[in-house]
Amino acid sequence: MDSPWLIGVLILFAYLLGSVPFGVVVSRLLGAVDPRTAGSKNVGFTNVLRVSGKKAGILTLAGDIGKGWLAGWVATMVLQQETAILGVALASILGHLHSIFLGLKGGKGVATALGAALGVAPWVGLTLMTLWIGAVFLWKYSSGGALFAFGMFPIVALIFHRSWTFIGFACVVSVLIWMRHKDNLIRLWSGTESRIGQSS
C-alpha cells in the first residue's frame, strides 16, 4: 500500500512540473515572441512554432512532452498502486491545462498528455504519438491530429489489454483534450482552422 503522504507529494510535484509553461520559458530564453501575445495566444507547441519559429517550437514540444513523461515515469518508479500512478500522471496534465504560474490558464495538454502516457505505459504512449504525427502529416492540422489520437486513446488502451482503471484514465484524458479543442473542432468543421505552417 502506497503512503497517502507520498502520493500527495508526488501529485503536488507533478502538478507543479506540469505547470511550467515551456512555451513562455523557451520564448524568453530565445528572445522570441511571447506566445501569449501573438497568434492564437496559446502557450503550446503549435502556436510557438507559428509565432517564434521551428527552434522555439521544437524546444517547447520537447519540454511539454518531457514534463509529462517525467511525472509519469517517477510515479511508476516510486508507487505501486495503478490508481495512484495514474493520478500523478493526470496531475501533470492538469498542471499544464491550469498552470499556477499563468493564473490557472494554460495550454491544450496534447504534448504533456502524450508524455504522461509514455511515462506510465510506453507502448501506449508511442502508439498515440505515432497516430498524432501520422494524422498531422496527413491532414496538416495539429488540432485534427490531437483530436484523432486522443479519440483513439481508450481504444489503444483496450488493444494493449490495459486495466479498466487505465481505460478510465484514457477516457478522462481524452475528454479533457477534446474539451480544450472545442473551438478548433468548430473551425475544422467550418473549414477555417489554420494548417501547420499557416499563421492563425
N, C-alpha and C. Protein backbone atom coordinates (compact mmCIF):
# COMPACT_ATOMS: atom_id res chain seq x y z
N MET A 1 0.84 -1.20 0.00
CA MET A 1 0.00 0.00 0.00
C MET A 1 0.88 1.25 0.00
N ASP A 2 0.64 2.13 -0.95
CA ASP A 2 1.40 3.37 -1.03
C ASP A 2 0.96 4.34 0.06
N SER A 3 1.91 5.05 0.61
CA SER A 3 1.62 6.04 1.64
C SER A 3 0.81 7.19 1.06
N PRO A 4 -0.31 7.57 1.69
CA PRO A 4 -1.07 8.74 1.23
C PRO A 4 -0.21 10.00 1.18
N TRP A 5 0.71 10.12 2.14
CA TRP A 5 1.61 11.28 2.17
C TRP A 5 2.48 11.31 0.92
N LEU A 6 3.04 10.15 0.55
CA LEU A 6 3.89 10.07 -0.63
C LEU A 6 3.09 10.36 -1.90
N ILE A 7 1.89 9.81 -1.97
CA ILE A 7 1.04 10.07 -3.13
C ILE A 7 0.76 11.56 -3.26
N GLY A 8 0.43 12.19 -2.13
CA GLY A 8 0.15 13.62 -2.14
C GLY A 8 1.33 14.45 -2.60
N VAL A 9 2.52 14.10 -2.11
CA VAL A 9 3.74 14.82 -2.50
C VAL A 9 3.99 14.68 -4.00
N LEU A 10 3.81 13.47 -4.52
CA LEU A 10 4.05 13.24 -5.95
C LEU A 10 3.01 13.93 -6.82
N ILE A 11 1.78 13.97 -6.36
CA ILE A 11 0.74 14.69 -7.10
C ILE A 11 1.06 16.18 -7.15
N LEU A 12 1.50 16.74 -6.02
CA LEU A 12 1.89 18.15 -5.99
C LEU A 12 3.09 18.40 -6.91
N PHE A 13 4.08 17.51 -6.83
CA PHE A 13 5.26 17.62 -7.70
C PHE A 13 4.84 17.60 -9.17
N ALA A 14 3.96 16.66 -9.52
CA ALA A 14 3.54 16.52 -10.92
C ALA A 14 2.76 17.75 -11.38
N TYR A 15 1.90 18.27 -10.51
CA TYR A 15 1.12 19.46 -10.88
C TYR A 15 2.04 20.66 -11.11
N LEU A 16 2.99 20.87 -10.21
CA LEU A 16 3.92 22.00 -10.36
C LEU A 16 4.80 21.83 -11.60
N LEU A 17 5.24 20.60 -11.83
CA LEU A 17 6.05 20.33 -13.02
C LEU A 17 5.22 20.58 -14.28
N GLY A 18 4.00 20.09 -14.28
CA GLY A 18 3.12 20.31 -15.42
C GLY A 18 2.79 21.77 -15.64
N SER A 19 2.83 22.55 -14.57
CA SER A 19 2.52 23.98 -14.66
C SER A 19 3.60 24.80 -15.34
N VAL A 20 4.81 24.26 -15.44
CA VAL A 20 5.90 25.02 -16.07
C VAL A 20 5.55 25.30 -17.53
N PRO A 21 5.37 26.57 -17.91
CA PRO A 21 4.95 26.90 -19.28
C PRO A 21 6.16 26.98 -20.21
N PHE A 22 6.57 25.85 -20.75
CA PHE A 22 7.78 25.83 -21.56
C PHE A 22 7.69 26.75 -22.78
N GLY A 23 6.49 26.96 -23.30
CA GLY A 23 6.35 27.88 -24.42
C GLY A 23 6.79 29.28 -24.06
N VAL A 24 6.44 29.72 -22.85
CA VAL A 24 6.83 31.05 -22.37
C VAL A 24 8.32 31.06 -22.02
N VAL A 25 8.77 30.03 -21.31
CA VAL A 25 10.17 29.96 -20.88
C VAL A 25 11.11 29.95 -22.08
N VAL A 26 10.83 29.09 -23.05
CA VAL A 26 11.67 28.99 -24.24
C VAL A 26 11.69 30.29 -25.01
N SER A 27 10.53 30.90 -25.18
CA SER A 27 10.45 32.15 -25.93
C SER A 27 11.27 33.25 -25.27
N ARG A 28 11.23 33.31 -23.95
CA ARG A 28 12.03 34.31 -23.24
C ARG A 28 13.52 34.03 -23.38
N LEU A 29 13.91 32.78 -23.24
CA LEU A 29 15.32 32.43 -23.34
C LEU A 29 15.88 32.72 -24.73
N LEU A 30 15.05 32.56 -25.74
CA LEU A 30 15.50 32.78 -27.12
C LEU A 30 15.25 34.21 -27.58
N GLY A 31 14.65 35.03 -26.72
CA GLY A 31 14.33 36.39 -27.11
C GLY A 31 13.26 36.45 -28.19
N ALA A 32 12.38 35.46 -28.19
CA ALA A 32 11.33 35.37 -29.21
C ALA A 32 10.03 35.98 -28.69
N VAL A 33 9.01 35.89 -29.51
CA VAL A 33 7.70 36.46 -29.17
C VAL A 33 7.05 35.66 -28.05
N ASP A 34 6.48 36.36 -27.08
CA ASP A 34 5.71 35.69 -26.03
C ASP A 34 4.46 35.11 -26.67
N PRO A 35 4.28 33.79 -26.63
CA PRO A 35 3.14 33.18 -27.32
C PRO A 35 1.78 33.63 -26.78
N ARG A 36 1.78 34.19 -25.58
CA ARG A 36 0.52 34.66 -25.00
C ARG A 36 0.04 35.95 -25.65
N THR A 37 0.89 36.58 -26.44
CA THR A 37 0.55 37.88 -27.03
C THR A 37 0.41 37.83 -28.55
N ALA A 38 0.57 36.67 -29.15
CA ALA A 38 0.55 36.58 -30.61
C ALA A 38 -0.12 35.30 -31.07
N GLY A 39 -0.52 35.30 -32.34
CA GLY A 39 -1.16 34.11 -32.90
C GLY A 39 -2.44 33.76 -32.16
N SER A 40 -2.56 32.50 -31.80
CA SER A 40 -3.74 32.04 -31.06
C SER A 40 -3.66 32.37 -29.57
N LYS A 41 -2.51 32.92 -29.15
CA LYS A 41 -2.23 33.26 -27.75
C LYS A 41 -2.16 32.03 -26.84
N ASN A 42 -1.94 30.87 -27.45
CA ASN A 42 -1.78 29.64 -26.69
C ASN A 42 -0.29 29.39 -26.43
N VAL A 43 0.02 28.80 -25.27
CA VAL A 43 1.43 28.61 -24.90
C VAL A 43 2.02 27.29 -25.42
N GLY A 44 1.24 26.56 -26.19
CA GLY A 44 1.70 25.25 -26.65
C GLY A 44 2.56 25.29 -27.89
N PHE A 45 2.99 24.11 -28.28
CA PHE A 45 3.93 23.92 -29.39
C PHE A 45 3.48 24.57 -30.69
N THR A 46 2.22 24.34 -31.08
CA THR A 46 1.78 24.81 -32.39
C THR A 46 1.85 26.32 -32.52
N ASN A 47 1.37 27.03 -31.51
CA ASN A 47 1.41 28.50 -31.57
C ASN A 47 2.83 29.02 -31.48
N VAL A 48 3.66 28.41 -30.63
CA VAL A 48 5.06 28.83 -30.54
C VAL A 48 5.76 28.62 -31.88
N LEU A 49 5.48 27.51 -32.52
CA LEU A 49 6.05 27.23 -33.85
C LEU A 49 5.65 28.32 -34.84
N ARG A 50 4.39 28.72 -34.80
CA ARG A 50 3.90 29.72 -35.74
C ARG A 50 4.50 31.10 -35.50
N VAL A 51 4.58 31.50 -34.24
CA VAL A 51 4.98 32.89 -33.96
C VAL A 51 6.47 33.06 -33.70
N SER A 52 7.18 31.96 -33.35
CA SER A 52 8.59 32.09 -32.99
C SER A 52 9.54 31.18 -33.77
N GLY A 53 9.01 30.31 -34.62
CA GLY A 53 9.87 29.50 -35.46
C GLY A 53 10.10 28.09 -34.97
N LYS A 54 10.81 27.32 -35.81
CA LYS A 54 10.99 25.88 -35.56
C LYS A 54 11.77 25.58 -34.28
N LYS A 55 12.85 26.33 -34.05
CA LYS A 55 13.68 26.04 -32.87
C LYS A 55 12.88 26.17 -31.59
N ALA A 56 12.17 27.29 -31.46
CA ALA A 56 11.36 27.52 -30.26
C ALA A 56 10.24 26.49 -30.17
N GLY A 57 9.64 26.16 -31.31
CA GLY A 57 8.55 25.18 -31.32
C GLY A 57 9.01 23.80 -30.89
N ILE A 58 10.14 23.36 -31.42
CA ILE A 58 10.66 22.03 -31.08
C ILE A 58 11.06 21.96 -29.62
N LEU A 59 11.71 23.01 -29.11
CA LEU A 59 12.10 23.02 -27.70
C LEU A 59 10.88 23.02 -26.79
N THR A 60 9.84 23.74 -27.19
CA THR A 60 8.60 23.75 -26.42
C THR A 60 7.96 22.37 -26.41
N LEU A 61 7.91 21.74 -27.57
CA LEU A 61 7.34 20.40 -27.67
C LEU A 61 8.11 19.42 -26.79
N ALA A 62 9.44 19.49 -26.84
CA ALA A 62 10.27 18.59 -26.03
C ALA A 62 10.04 18.83 -24.54
N GLY A 63 9.96 20.09 -24.15
CA GLY A 63 9.74 20.41 -22.74
C GLY A 63 8.39 19.93 -22.25
N ASP A 64 7.35 20.15 -23.07
CA ASP A 64 6.00 19.76 -22.65
C ASP A 64 5.83 18.24 -22.62
N ILE A 65 6.41 17.54 -23.58
CA ILE A 65 6.38 16.08 -23.53
C ILE A 65 7.20 15.59 -22.35
N GLY A 66 8.37 16.19 -22.17
CA GLY A 66 9.29 15.75 -21.11
C GLY A 66 8.71 15.86 -19.72
N LYS A 67 7.97 16.94 -19.46
CA LYS A 67 7.44 17.09 -18.10
C LYS A 67 6.35 16.06 -17.81
N GLY A 68 5.55 15.74 -18.82
CA GLY A 68 4.55 14.69 -18.63
C GLY A 68 5.20 13.33 -18.45
N TRP A 69 6.22 13.07 -19.27
CA TRP A 69 6.94 11.79 -19.16
C TRP A 69 7.60 11.65 -17.79
N LEU A 70 8.27 12.70 -17.33
CA LEU A 70 8.99 12.63 -16.05
C LEU A 70 8.03 12.36 -14.90
N ALA A 71 6.90 13.05 -14.89
CA ALA A 71 5.91 12.83 -13.83
C ALA A 71 5.41 11.38 -13.85
N GLY A 72 5.08 10.88 -15.03
CA GLY A 72 4.59 9.51 -15.14
C GLY A 72 5.65 8.48 -14.79
N TRP A 73 6.87 8.70 -15.26
CA TRP A 73 7.95 7.75 -15.00
C TRP A 73 8.30 7.70 -13.52
N VAL A 74 8.42 8.86 -12.88
CA VAL A 74 8.72 8.88 -11.44
C VAL A 74 7.64 8.14 -10.67
N ALA A 75 6.39 8.36 -11.04
CA ALA A 75 5.28 7.69 -10.36
C ALA A 75 5.40 6.17 -10.48
N THR A 76 5.74 5.69 -11.67
CA THR A 76 5.86 4.23 -11.86
C THR A 76 7.05 3.66 -11.09
N MET A 77 8.08 4.46 -10.89
CA MET A 77 9.26 4.01 -10.16
C MET A 77 9.04 3.98 -8.65
N VAL A 78 8.18 4.86 -8.15
CA VAL A 78 8.04 5.05 -6.71
C VAL A 78 6.78 4.40 -6.15
N LEU A 79 5.71 4.40 -6.93
CA LEU A 79 4.42 3.91 -6.44
C LEU A 79 4.10 2.52 -6.98
N GLN A 80 3.18 1.85 -6.31
CA GLN A 80 2.77 0.50 -6.72
C GLN A 80 1.33 0.47 -7.22
N GLN A 81 0.46 1.27 -6.62
CA GLN A 81 -0.95 1.25 -6.97
C GLN A 81 -1.17 1.98 -8.30
N GLU A 82 -1.84 1.30 -9.22
CA GLU A 82 -2.07 1.91 -10.53
C GLU A 82 -2.89 3.19 -10.43
N THR A 83 -3.89 3.20 -9.55
CA THR A 83 -4.71 4.39 -9.39
C THR A 83 -3.86 5.59 -8.98
N ALA A 84 -2.93 5.37 -8.06
CA ALA A 84 -2.06 6.45 -7.60
C ALA A 84 -1.13 6.91 -8.72
N ILE A 85 -0.57 5.96 -9.46
CA ILE A 85 0.33 6.30 -10.57
C ILE A 85 -0.40 7.15 -11.61
N LEU A 86 -1.59 6.74 -11.96
CA LEU A 86 -2.36 7.47 -12.96
C LEU A 86 -2.82 8.82 -12.42
N GLY A 87 -3.06 8.90 -11.12
CA GLY A 87 -3.41 10.18 -10.51
C GLY A 87 -2.28 11.19 -10.63
N VAL A 88 -1.05 10.71 -10.45
CA VAL A 88 0.12 11.57 -10.60
C VAL A 88 0.26 12.02 -12.06
N ALA A 89 0.09 11.08 -12.98
CA ALA A 89 0.17 11.42 -14.41
C ALA A 89 -0.88 12.46 -14.78
N LEU A 90 -2.09 12.27 -14.27
CA LEU A 90 -3.18 13.21 -14.54
C LEU A 90 -2.87 14.59 -13.97
N ALA A 91 -2.23 14.62 -12.81
CA ALA A 91 -1.88 15.90 -12.18
C ALA A 91 -0.95 16.72 -13.06
N SER A 92 -0.03 16.05 -13.76
CA SER A 92 0.88 16.79 -14.66
C SER A 92 0.11 17.41 -15.82
N ILE A 93 -0.88 16.70 -16.32
CA ILE A 93 -1.70 17.23 -17.41
C ILE A 93 -2.54 18.40 -16.93
N LEU A 94 -3.14 18.26 -15.75
CA LEU A 94 -3.94 19.35 -15.18
C LEU A 94 -3.08 20.57 -14.90
N GLY A 95 -1.82 20.34 -14.51
CA GLY A 95 -0.91 21.45 -14.30
C GLY A 95 -0.69 22.24 -15.58
N HIS A 96 -0.57 21.53 -16.69
CA HIS A 96 -0.40 22.21 -17.98
C HIS A 96 -1.67 22.96 -18.38
N LEU A 97 -2.81 22.34 -18.15
CA LEU A 97 -4.08 22.96 -18.52
C LEU A 97 -4.41 24.16 -17.64
N HIS A 98 -4.04 24.09 -16.37
CA HIS A 98 -4.36 25.14 -15.40
C HIS A 98 -3.10 25.48 -14.60
N SER A 99 -2.17 26.14 -15.26
CA SER A 99 -0.86 26.41 -14.65
C SER A 99 -0.96 27.44 -13.53
N ILE A 100 -0.37 27.09 -12.38
CA ILE A 100 -0.34 28.03 -11.26
C ILE A 100 0.51 29.25 -11.60
N PHE A 101 1.41 29.10 -12.58
CA PHE A 101 2.28 30.21 -12.98
C PHE A 101 1.63 31.12 -14.02
N LEU A 102 0.47 30.73 -14.52
CA LEU A 102 -0.23 31.52 -15.54
C LEU A 102 -1.65 31.87 -15.10
N GLY A 103 -1.84 32.00 -13.79
CA GLY A 103 -3.16 32.34 -13.28
C GLY A 103 -4.20 31.28 -13.56
N LEU A 104 -3.78 30.01 -13.51
CA LEU A 104 -4.62 28.83 -13.74
C LEU A 104 -5.09 28.72 -15.19
N LYS A 105 -4.44 29.46 -16.07
CA LYS A 105 -4.66 29.26 -17.50
C LYS A 105 -3.54 28.36 -18.01
N GLY A 106 -3.63 27.94 -19.26
CA GLY A 106 -2.58 27.06 -19.77
C GLY A 106 -2.79 26.66 -21.20
N GLY A 107 -2.10 25.60 -21.60
CA GLY A 107 -2.18 25.12 -22.97
C GLY A 107 -3.30 24.11 -23.15
N LYS A 108 -3.21 23.35 -24.21
CA LYS A 108 -4.28 22.41 -24.54
C LYS A 108 -3.95 20.98 -24.13
N GLY A 109 -2.75 20.75 -23.65
CA GLY A 109 -2.44 19.49 -22.98
C GLY A 109 -1.98 18.34 -23.84
N VAL A 110 -1.90 18.53 -25.15
CA VAL A 110 -1.60 17.40 -26.03
C VAL A 110 -0.22 16.81 -25.76
N ALA A 111 0.82 17.66 -25.82
CA ALA A 111 2.19 17.16 -25.65
C ALA A 111 2.40 16.59 -24.25
N THR A 112 1.88 17.27 -23.23
CA THR A 112 2.05 16.79 -21.86
C THR A 112 1.32 15.47 -21.65
N ALA A 113 0.13 15.34 -22.23
CA ALA A 113 -0.61 14.08 -22.12
C ALA A 113 0.11 12.95 -22.86
N LEU A 114 0.69 13.25 -24.01
CA LEU A 114 1.49 12.24 -24.72
C LEU A 114 2.67 11.80 -23.85
N GLY A 115 3.33 12.77 -23.23
CA GLY A 115 4.46 12.45 -22.35
C GLY A 115 4.04 11.62 -21.16
N ALA A 116 2.91 11.99 -20.55
CA ALA A 116 2.42 11.23 -19.40
C ALA A 116 2.10 9.79 -19.79
N ALA A 117 1.48 9.62 -20.95
CA ALA A 117 1.19 8.26 -21.43
C ALA A 117 2.48 7.48 -21.67
N LEU A 118 3.48 8.14 -22.24
CA LEU A 118 4.78 7.48 -22.43
C LEU A 118 5.40 7.06 -21.11
N GLY A 119 5.22 7.89 -20.09
CA GLY A 119 5.81 7.61 -18.79
C GLY A 119 5.19 6.43 -18.08
N VAL A 120 3.87 6.28 -18.20
CA VAL A 120 3.19 5.22 -17.45
C VAL A 120 2.95 3.96 -18.28
N ALA A 121 2.89 4.11 -19.59
CA ALA A 121 2.64 2.95 -20.47
C ALA A 121 3.33 3.23 -21.81
N PRO A 122 4.63 2.97 -21.90
CA PRO A 122 5.42 3.38 -23.08
C PRO A 122 4.84 2.96 -24.43
N TRP A 123 4.36 1.73 -24.54
CA TRP A 123 3.85 1.29 -25.84
C TRP A 123 2.56 2.00 -26.21
N VAL A 124 1.74 2.24 -25.22
CA VAL A 124 0.51 3.02 -25.47
C VAL A 124 0.89 4.44 -25.89
N GLY A 125 1.83 5.04 -25.17
CA GLY A 125 2.26 6.39 -25.49
C GLY A 125 2.87 6.50 -26.87
N LEU A 126 3.71 5.53 -27.23
CA LEU A 126 4.32 5.53 -28.56
C LEU A 126 3.27 5.39 -29.66
N THR A 127 2.27 4.57 -29.40
CA THR A 127 1.19 4.40 -30.38
C THR A 127 0.41 5.69 -30.55
N LEU A 128 0.09 6.35 -29.45
CA LEU A 128 -0.62 7.63 -29.52
C LEU A 128 0.21 8.66 -30.28
N MET A 129 1.50 8.71 -29.99
CA MET A 129 2.37 9.67 -30.66
C MET A 129 2.43 9.38 -32.16
N THR A 130 2.49 8.11 -32.53
CA THR A 130 2.50 7.73 -33.94
C THR A 130 1.21 8.14 -34.63
N LEU A 131 0.09 7.93 -33.95
CA LEU A 131 -1.21 8.33 -34.50
C LEU A 131 -1.27 9.84 -34.69
N TRP A 132 -0.78 10.58 -33.69
CA TRP A 132 -0.80 12.04 -33.76
C TRP A 132 0.08 12.55 -34.90
N ILE A 133 1.32 12.07 -34.95
CA ILE A 133 2.24 12.51 -36.00
C ILE A 133 1.72 12.13 -37.38
N GLY A 134 1.21 10.91 -37.50
CA GLY A 134 0.68 10.45 -38.78
C GLY A 134 -0.50 11.29 -39.25
N ALA A 135 -1.40 11.59 -38.33
CA ALA A 135 -2.58 12.39 -38.68
C ALA A 135 -2.20 13.82 -39.05
N VAL A 136 -1.25 14.38 -38.30
CA VAL A 136 -0.79 15.74 -38.61
C VAL A 136 -0.10 15.77 -39.98
N PHE A 137 0.73 14.78 -40.24
CA PHE A 137 1.42 14.69 -41.53
C PHE A 137 0.42 14.56 -42.68
N LEU A 138 -0.64 13.78 -42.45
CA LEU A 138 -1.63 13.53 -43.49
C LEU A 138 -2.53 14.73 -43.73
N TRP A 139 -3.03 15.32 -42.63
CA TRP A 139 -4.03 16.39 -42.74
C TRP A 139 -3.47 17.80 -42.61
N LYS A 140 -2.27 17.91 -42.05
CA LYS A 140 -1.61 19.20 -41.82
C LYS A 140 -2.34 20.06 -40.77
N TYR A 141 -3.16 19.41 -39.95
CA TYR A 141 -3.83 20.10 -38.85
C TYR A 141 -3.32 19.54 -37.53
N SER A 142 -2.65 20.37 -36.73
CA SER A 142 -2.19 19.90 -35.42
C SER A 142 -3.37 19.53 -34.54
N SER A 143 -4.41 20.36 -34.56
CA SER A 143 -5.59 20.09 -33.73
C SER A 143 -6.30 18.83 -34.19
N GLY A 144 -6.40 18.64 -35.50
CA GLY A 144 -7.04 17.43 -36.02
C GLY A 144 -6.30 16.18 -35.61
N GLY A 145 -4.96 16.25 -35.65
CA GLY A 145 -4.15 15.12 -35.21
C GLY A 145 -4.36 14.81 -33.75
N ALA A 146 -4.46 15.86 -32.93
CA ALA A 146 -4.67 15.67 -31.49
C ALA A 146 -6.04 15.06 -31.21
N LEU A 147 -7.06 15.57 -31.88
CA LEU A 147 -8.41 15.05 -31.67
C LEU A 147 -8.50 13.58 -32.10
N PHE A 148 -7.85 13.25 -33.20
CA PHE A 148 -7.86 11.86 -33.67
C PHE A 148 -7.12 10.95 -32.70
N ALA A 149 -5.90 11.34 -32.34
CA ALA A 149 -5.07 10.49 -31.48
C ALA A 149 -5.74 10.25 -30.13
N PHE A 150 -6.25 11.31 -29.52
CA PHE A 150 -6.83 11.14 -28.19
C PHE A 150 -8.25 10.57 -28.24
N GLY A 151 -8.91 10.72 -29.37
CA GLY A 151 -10.16 9.99 -29.55
C GLY A 151 -9.93 8.49 -29.58
N MET A 152 -8.73 8.10 -30.02
CA MET A 152 -8.35 6.69 -30.09
C MET A 152 -7.74 6.17 -28.79
N PHE A 153 -7.44 7.06 -27.86
CA PHE A 153 -6.72 6.66 -26.63
C PHE A 153 -7.38 5.48 -25.92
N PRO A 154 -8.69 5.53 -25.61
CA PRO A 154 -9.30 4.38 -24.92
C PRO A 154 -9.22 3.10 -25.75
N ILE A 155 -9.35 3.22 -27.07
CA ILE A 155 -9.28 2.04 -27.93
C ILE A 155 -7.87 1.45 -27.93
N VAL A 156 -6.87 2.32 -27.99
CA VAL A 156 -5.48 1.87 -27.92
C VAL A 156 -5.23 1.15 -26.59
N ALA A 157 -5.77 1.71 -25.51
CA ALA A 157 -5.61 1.08 -24.19
C ALA A 157 -6.23 -0.32 -24.19
N LEU A 158 -7.39 -0.47 -24.83
CA LEU A 158 -8.03 -1.78 -24.93
C LEU A 158 -7.18 -2.75 -25.75
N ILE A 159 -6.65 -2.27 -26.86
CA ILE A 159 -5.83 -3.12 -27.73
C ILE A 159 -4.61 -3.66 -26.99
N PHE A 160 -4.04 -2.83 -26.12
CA PHE A 160 -2.87 -3.26 -25.35
C PHE A 160 -3.25 -3.96 -24.04
N HIS A 161 -4.53 -4.30 -23.91
CA HIS A 161 -5.02 -5.07 -22.76
C HIS A 161 -4.70 -4.38 -21.42
N ARG A 162 -4.88 -3.07 -21.40
CA ARG A 162 -4.68 -2.35 -20.15
C ARG A 162 -5.89 -2.57 -19.24
N SER A 163 -5.71 -2.26 -17.96
CA SER A 163 -6.77 -2.46 -16.98
C SER A 163 -7.93 -1.49 -17.22
N TRP A 164 -9.06 -1.79 -16.60
CA TRP A 164 -10.20 -0.88 -16.71
C TRP A 164 -9.90 0.46 -16.03
N THR A 165 -9.06 0.42 -15.02
CA THR A 165 -8.63 1.68 -14.39
C THR A 165 -7.89 2.55 -15.40
N PHE A 166 -6.99 1.93 -16.15
CA PHE A 166 -6.23 2.68 -17.16
C PHE A 166 -7.16 3.17 -18.27
N ILE A 167 -8.09 2.34 -18.67
CA ILE A 167 -9.03 2.74 -19.72
C ILE A 167 -9.87 3.93 -19.25
N GLY A 168 -10.25 3.92 -17.97
CA GLY A 168 -10.95 5.07 -17.40
C GLY A 168 -10.09 6.33 -17.45
N PHE A 169 -8.81 6.18 -17.12
CA PHE A 169 -7.86 7.29 -17.21
C PHE A 169 -7.79 7.80 -18.64
N ALA A 170 -7.72 6.89 -19.60
CA ALA A 170 -7.66 7.27 -21.01
C ALA A 170 -8.90 8.05 -21.42
N CYS A 171 -10.06 7.63 -20.94
CA CYS A 171 -11.30 8.34 -21.26
C CYS A 171 -11.30 9.75 -20.68
N VAL A 172 -10.86 9.88 -19.43
CA VAL A 172 -10.80 11.20 -18.79
C VAL A 172 -9.87 12.13 -19.56
N VAL A 173 -8.68 11.64 -19.89
CA VAL A 173 -7.71 12.46 -20.63
C VAL A 173 -8.27 12.84 -22.00
N SER A 174 -8.91 11.90 -22.67
CA SER A 174 -9.50 12.18 -23.98
C SER A 174 -10.54 13.29 -23.90
N VAL A 175 -11.38 13.22 -22.89
CA VAL A 175 -12.41 14.25 -22.71
C VAL A 175 -11.77 15.61 -22.45
N LEU A 176 -10.74 15.64 -21.60
CA LEU A 176 -10.05 16.90 -21.32
C LEU A 176 -9.45 17.50 -22.59
N ILE A 177 -8.81 16.67 -23.40
CA ILE A 177 -8.19 17.16 -24.64
C ILE A 177 -9.26 17.65 -25.61
N TRP A 178 -10.32 16.91 -25.76
CA TRP A 178 -11.38 17.32 -26.68
C TRP A 178 -12.06 18.61 -26.20
N MET A 179 -12.27 18.74 -24.90
CA MET A 179 -12.87 19.97 -24.38
C MET A 179 -11.98 21.18 -24.66
N ARG A 180 -10.67 21.00 -24.53
CA ARG A 180 -9.73 22.09 -24.80
C ARG A 180 -9.69 22.46 -26.28
N HIS A 181 -10.13 21.56 -27.11
CA HIS A 181 -10.08 21.80 -28.56
C HIS A 181 -11.46 22.07 -29.16
N LYS A 182 -12.41 22.45 -28.33
CA LYS A 182 -13.77 22.64 -28.86
C LYS A 182 -13.83 23.73 -29.92
N ASP A 183 -13.07 24.83 -29.71
CA ASP A 183 -13.05 25.89 -30.72
C ASP A 183 -12.38 25.42 -32.01
N ASN A 184 -11.31 24.63 -31.85
CA ASN A 184 -10.64 24.07 -33.03
C ASN A 184 -11.57 23.14 -33.80
N LEU A 185 -12.36 22.38 -33.04
CA LEU A 185 -13.30 21.45 -33.67
C LEU A 185 -14.32 22.21 -34.52
N ILE A 186 -14.79 23.34 -33.99
CA ILE A 186 -15.74 24.17 -34.74
C ILE A 186 -15.09 24.71 -36.01
N ARG A 187 -13.83 25.17 -35.88
CA ARG A 187 -13.13 25.70 -37.06
C ARG A 187 -12.82 24.61 -38.07
N LEU A 188 -12.48 23.41 -37.59
CA LEU A 188 -12.26 22.29 -38.50
C LEU A 188 -13.53 21.98 -39.28
N TRP A 189 -14.64 21.99 -38.59
CA TRP A 189 -15.93 21.69 -39.20
C TRP A 189 -16.31 22.74 -40.25
N SER A 190 -15.97 24.01 -39.95
CA SER A 190 -16.32 25.10 -40.86
C SER A 190 -15.26 25.36 -41.92
N GLY A 191 -14.11 24.67 -41.82
CA GLY A 191 -13.05 24.83 -42.80
C GLY A 191 -12.19 26.06 -42.61
N THR A 192 -12.20 26.62 -41.39
CA THR A 192 -11.43 27.85 -41.14
C THR A 192 -10.22 27.61 -40.23
N GLU A 193 -9.96 26.37 -39.86
CA GLU A 193 -8.82 26.08 -39.00
C GLU A 193 -7.51 26.25 -39.77
N SER A 194 -6.50 26.85 -39.11
CA SER A 194 -5.19 27.04 -39.75
C SER A 194 -4.43 25.72 -39.81
N ARG A 195 -3.78 25.49 -40.93
CA ARG A 195 -2.94 24.32 -41.07
C ARG A 195 -1.55 24.60 -40.52
N ILE A 196 -0.78 23.55 -40.28
CA ILE A 196 0.61 23.72 -39.87
C ILE A 196 1.33 24.53 -40.94
N GLY A 197 2.05 25.57 -40.50
CA GLY A 197 2.78 26.42 -41.44
C GLY A 197 2.03 27.68 -41.81
N GLN A 198 0.70 27.71 -41.51
CA GLN A 198 -0.08 28.92 -41.75
C GLN A 198 -0.13 29.76 -40.50
N SER A 199 -0.28 31.07 -40.65
CA SER A 199 -0.49 31.93 -39.49
C SER A 199 -1.93 31.80 -39.04
N SER A 200 -2.15 32.08 -37.73
CA SER A 200 -3.51 31.93 -37.19
C SER A 200 -4.43 33.01 -37.75
